[in-house]
Protein backbone atom coordinates (compact mmCIF):
# COMPACT_ATOMS: atom_id res chain seq x y z
CA MET A 1 4.59 -6.20 1.80
CA LYS A 2 6.79 -3.79 3.70
CA TRP A 3 5.15 -1.62 6.35
CA TYR A 4 6.42 1.49 4.58
CA SER A 5 5.02 0.56 1.16
CA GLY A 6 3.13 3.31 -0.60
CA GLY A 7 -0.49 3.47 -1.59
CA SER A 8 -0.01 2.40 -5.20
CA GLU A 9 1.82 -0.79 -4.17
CA ARG A 10 -0.88 -1.58 -1.61
CA SER A 11 -3.57 -0.89 -4.19
CA GLU A 12 -1.97 -3.20 -6.76
CA GLN A 13 -1.61 -6.00 -4.22
CA ALA A 14 -5.20 -5.51 -3.01
CA ILE A 15 -6.56 -5.72 -6.57
CA ILE A 16 -4.62 -8.94 -7.22
CA THR A 17 -5.90 -10.48 -3.98
CA ILE A 18 -9.48 -9.36 -4.62
CA LYS A 19 -9.44 -10.90 -8.12
CA ALA A 20 -8.15 -14.20 -6.73
CA LEU A 21 -10.76 -14.20 -3.98
CA LEU A 22 -13.57 -13.39 -6.43
CA THR A 23 -12.47 -16.31 -8.61
CA ASP A 24 -12.58 -18.66 -5.61
CA LEU A 25 -16.00 -17.38 -4.55
CA GLN A 26 -17.45 -17.73 -8.07
CA ASP A 27 -16.31 -21.35 -8.19
CA ALA A 28 -18.12 -21.96 -4.92
CA SER A 29 -21.10 -19.82 -6.07
CA LYS A 30 -21.71 -18.54 -2.57
CA GLY A 31 -21.27 -15.30 -0.70
CA PRO A 32 -23.22 -12.85 -2.88
CA ALA A 33 -22.80 -9.96 -0.43
CA LEU A 34 -19.05 -10.56 -0.18
CA GLN A 35 -18.73 -10.77 -3.97
CA THR A 36 -20.57 -7.46 -4.32
CA VAL A 37 -18.35 -5.79 -1.72
CA LEU A 38 -15.17 -7.06 -3.34
CA THR A 39 -16.27 -5.99 -6.82
CA THR A 40 -17.23 -2.52 -5.57
CA TYR A 41 -13.93 -1.95 -3.80
CA GLN A 42 -11.91 -3.36 -6.69
CA THR A 43 -13.49 -0.73 -8.92
CA GLU A 44 -12.83 1.96 -6.33
CA LEU A 45 -9.16 0.96 -6.02
CA GLU A 46 -8.76 0.95 -9.80
CA SER A 47 -10.34 4.40 -10.17
CA LYS A 48 -8.08 5.89 -7.44
CA LYS A 49 -10.61 8.54 -6.44
CA ALA A 50 -9.74 8.34 -2.73
CA SER A 51 -6.66 7.54 -0.70
CA VAL A 52 -5.75 3.87 -0.66
CA PRO A 53 -5.48 3.58 3.16
CA LEU A 54 -9.01 4.98 3.48
CA ILE A 55 -10.38 2.58 0.87
CA LEU A 56 -8.65 -0.39 2.52
CA SER A 57 -9.97 0.60 5.94
CA ARG A 58 -13.53 0.79 4.61
CA LEU A 59 -12.99 -2.50 2.77
CA ASN A 60 -12.10 -4.25 6.03
CA LEU A 61 -15.37 -3.14 7.63
CA ALA A 62 -17.39 -4.02 4.56
CA ILE A 63 -15.86 -7.52 4.41
CA ALA A 64 -16.72 -8.16 8.06
CA ASN A 65 -20.30 -6.99 7.53
CA ALA A 66 -20.69 -9.06 4.34
CA LEU A 67 -19.40 -12.21 6.04
CA GLN A 68 -21.94 -11.75 8.82
CA GLU A 69 -24.74 -11.00 6.36
CA ASP A 70 -24.00 -14.07 4.25
CA GLY A 71 -23.31 -16.33 7.23
CA LEU A 72 -20.45 -17.58 5.10
CA THR A 73 -17.69 -19.87 6.32
CA LEU A 74 -14.58 -19.39 4.24
CA SER A 75 -12.16 -22.13 3.27
CA ALA A 76 -8.61 -21.98 4.64
CA ALA A 77 -7.31 -20.50 1.37
CA GLN A 78 -10.07 -17.89 1.26
CA SER A 79 -9.42 -16.98 4.90
CA GLU A 80 -5.74 -16.43 4.08
CA GLN A 81 -6.71 -14.17 1.19
CA VAL A 82 -9.01 -12.11 3.41
CA LYS A 83 -6.26 -11.95 6.04
CA ALA A 84 -3.83 -10.70 3.38
CA LEU A 85 -6.33 -8.01 2.36
CA THR A 86 -6.78 -6.79 5.92
CA ALA A 87 -3.00 -6.81 6.48
CA LEU A 88 -2.58 -4.32 3.63
CA SER A 89 -4.21 -1.62 5.74
CA ASN A 90 -1.65 -2.05 8.54
CA ILE A 91 0.50 1.04 8.21
CA ARG A 92 2.94 1.97 10.93
CA TYR A 93 3.48 5.65 11.47
CA GLY A 94 6.26 7.26 13.45
CA TYR A 95 9.54 5.75 14.51
């Protein structure tokens, strides 16, 4: 994703990544707090009631808290998906 991509593109990519991550977590049947967080933020991104950068920023914090709460160790593929989600909130402003 380009650094100058708009909110709708970031939202679409985040929803795709969240769905893939939820599928992986359901197969493993672990990480209930993380699954709840991802489901909540997927709904929030789909409803578009707040700005996408704000939602993604809050999502990053919620993911970190859920991982600590669950004591979950992610697989390499799941870690890459979480990394991709957090990268979506990297927006460069200015020149």
